[in-house]
Amino acid sequence: MVAQVTLKAKEGKLSGEEFVFTGKTHVVVGRASTCHLSIPGDDLSVSRYHCLIDIDAPFAWVTDLGSLNGTFVNGESIGRCDQGCLPGEGQPCAAPRLLADGDELRIGCCAFEVVLDETPWARFDREPVEEGFLAVA
């Protein structure tokens, strides 16, 4: 089983699209065409280099990169440009935030559902169905 992290676009210009990542990677999200996940350039609520998603599937962390409007997880701001800094400087303004399965990641007008697959060994903390057997999804 290959571990993966999926971002399902729920709102915004990318609505309906899914972005699947496996293994270890860094994903820069923003309006710039050079971003790994580029949000259409006419959405000015998104900075050119808005946030960084560090993925080591099935785990993922998000860090705001000094965006003007901020990055949000489940409605909570996890970072934005501090007063006096220039938006999009590419300097993290807050500590990375660990993402959980089902989290909503909001970047400007775009909202993504975070889907983390379950690794086989994570199932062993479940209760046995019968003596000596574990429930497997």
Protein backbone atom coordinates (compact mmCIF):
# COMPACT_ATOMS: atom_id res chain seq x y z
CA MET A 1 0.00 0.00 0.00
CA VAL A 2 1.43 3.38 -1.00
CA ALA A 3 0.75 6.15 1.52
CA GLN A 4 -0.68 9.31 0.02
CA VAL A 5 -2.02 12.76 0.81
CA THR A 6 -4.89 14.10 -1.30
CA LEU A 7 -6.11 17.69 -1.49
CA LYS A 8 -9.70 17.81 -2.76
CA ALA A 9 -10.67 21.28 -3.99
CA LYS A 10 -14.12 22.11 -2.57
CA GLU A 11 -14.38 25.86 -3.33
CA GLY A 12 -12.75 28.28 -5.73
CA LYS A 13 -11.42 28.08 -9.28
CA LEU A 14 -10.07 24.55 -8.76
CA SER A 15 -13.33 23.16 -7.32
CA GLY A 16 -13.80 19.49 -8.16
CA GLU A 17 -10.12 18.82 -8.80
CA GLU A 18 -8.00 16.46 -6.70
CA PHE A 19 -4.25 16.66 -6.13
CA VAL A 20 -2.59 13.45 -4.95
CA PHE A 21 0.90 13.30 -3.46
CA THR A 22 2.88 10.24 -2.43
CA GLY A 23 6.14 9.83 -0.56
CA LYS A 24 8.13 12.85 0.50
CA THR A 25 7.71 16.18 -1.31
CA HIS A 26 7.36 19.94 -0.85
CA VAL A 27 4.42 21.70 -2.49
CA VAL A 28 4.42 25.48 -2.92
CA VAL A 29 0.87 26.80 -3.37
CA GLY A 30 0.12 30.20 -4.88
CA ARG A 31 -0.79 32.26 -7.96
CA ALA A 32 2.65 32.08 -9.58
CA SER A 33 2.92 29.75 -12.56
CA THR A 34 6.08 28.32 -10.98
CA CYS A 35 4.14 26.98 -7.97
CA HIS A 36 3.70 23.22 -7.70
CA LEU A 37 -0.02 23.81 -7.12
CA SER A 38 -0.87 26.97 -9.03
CA ILE A 39 -4.17 28.71 -8.28
CA PRO A 40 -5.45 30.73 -11.26
CA GLY A 41 -3.79 34.17 -11.34
CA ASP A 42 -6.95 36.26 -11.24
CA ASP A 43 -7.68 35.20 -7.62
CA LEU A 44 -5.97 38.12 -5.88
CA SER A 45 -6.87 36.74 -2.44
CA VAL A 46 -4.00 34.28 -3.04
CA SER A 47 -0.40 35.49 -2.87
CA ARG A 48 2.07 34.53 -5.57
CA TYR A 49 3.81 32.20 -3.10
CA HIS A 50 1.13 31.71 -0.47
CA CYS A 51 1.99 28.63 1.56
CA LEU A 52 4.19 25.54 1.68
CA ILE A 53 2.87 22.04 2.25
CA ASP A 54 5.53 19.61 3.42
CA ILE A 55 4.45 16.06 2.71
CA ASP A 56 5.90 12.85 4.06
CA ALA A 57 2.89 10.69 3.22
CA PRO A 58 0.68 9.98 5.00
CA PHE A 59 1.62 13.08 7.03
CA ALA A 60 1.46 16.72 5.92
CA TRP A 61 2.33 20.10 7.45
CA VAL A 62 1.38 23.53 6.13
CA THR A 63 3.28 26.80 6.65
CA ASP A 64 2.14 30.24 5.52
CA LEU A 65 4.85 31.98 3.47
CA GLY A 66 4.03 35.54 4.46
CA SER A 67 0.80 35.78 2.50
CA LEU A 68 -1.21 38.98 2.71
CA ASN A 69 -4.56 37.29 3.47
CA GLY A 70 -3.31 34.34 5.52
CA THR A 71 -3.70 30.58 5.46
CA PHE A 72 -6.45 28.87 7.46
CA VAL A 73 -6.98 25.35 8.79
CA ASN A 74 -10.55 24.64 9.93
CA GLY A 75 -11.21 28.38 10.06
CA GLU A 76 -8.21 29.11 12.28
CA SER A 77 -5.46 31.39 10.98
CA ILE A 78 -2.11 29.61 10.96
CA GLY A 79 -0.11 32.57 9.62
CA ARG A 80 -0.02 35.67 7.47
CA CYS A 81 2.24 38.57 6.67
CA ASP A 82 3.21 40.48 9.81
CA GLN A 83 2.95 44.25 9.72
CA GLY A 84 6.05 45.67 8.13
CA CYS A 85 6.93 42.63 6.03
CA LEU A 86 6.25 42.44 2.32
CA PRO A 87 3.66 39.88 1.18
CA GLY A 88 5.13 36.89 -0.61
CA GLU A 89 8.65 37.35 0.72
CA GLY A 90 8.80 33.60 1.06
CA GLN A 91 9.63 33.78 4.75
CA PRO A 92 7.51 31.60 7.04
CA CYS A 93 5.49 33.74 9.45
CA ALA A 94 4.43 30.91 11.76
CA ALA A 95 5.40 27.39 12.77
CA PRO A 96 4.27 24.53 10.51
CA ARG A 97 0.81 23.16 11.30
CA LEU A 98 0.25 19.40 11.17
CA LEU A 99 -2.76 18.55 9.01
CA ALA A 100 -5.23 15.84 9.99
CA ASP A 101 -7.54 13.75 7.85
CA GLY A 102 -10.68 15.76 7.08
CA ASP A 103 -9.15 19.19 7.79
CA GLU A 104 -10.22 22.11 5.64
CA LEU A 105 -7.27 24.07 4.23
CA ARG A 106 -8.31 27.53 3.02
CA ILE A 107 -6.03 29.54 0.76
CA GLY A 108 -7.73 32.75 -0.35
CA CYS A 109 -11.03 31.84 -2.02
CA CYS A 110 -9.98 28.20 -2.42
CA ALA A 111 -10.86 25.51 0.10
CA PHE A 112 -9.38 22.02 0.08
CA GLU A 113 -10.35 18.94 2.07
CA VAL A 114 -7.26 17.10 3.32
CA VAL A 115 -7.43 13.33 2.92
CA LEU A 116 -4.68 11.28 4.54
CA ASP A 117 -4.70 7.58 3.75
CA GLU A 118 -4.42 5.18 6.63
CA THR A 119 -1.20 3.25 6.87
CA PRO A 120 -1.58 -0.48 7.53
CA TRP A 121 0.18 -0.31 10.91
CA ALA A 122 -2.20 2.42 12.18
CA ARG A 123 -4.99 -0.17 12.26
CA PHE A 124 -3.40 -2.21 15.04
CA ASP A 125 -4.58 0.14 17.78
CA ARG A 126 -8.19 -0.95 17.17
CA GLU A 127 -10.18 -3.35 19.29
CA PRO A 128 -10.23 -7.03 18.29
CA VAL A 129 -13.43 -8.23 16.62
CA GLU A 130 -12.82 -11.76 17.88
CA GLU A 131 -10.05 -13.08 20.04
CA GLY A 132 -6.84 -12.70 18.04
CA PHE A 133 -8.39 -10.83 15.08
CA LEU A 134 -8.40 -7.12 14.29
CA ALA A 135 -11.01 -5.20 12.31
CA VAL A 136 -9.57 -4.23 8.93
CA ALA A 137 -11.28 -1.69 6.70
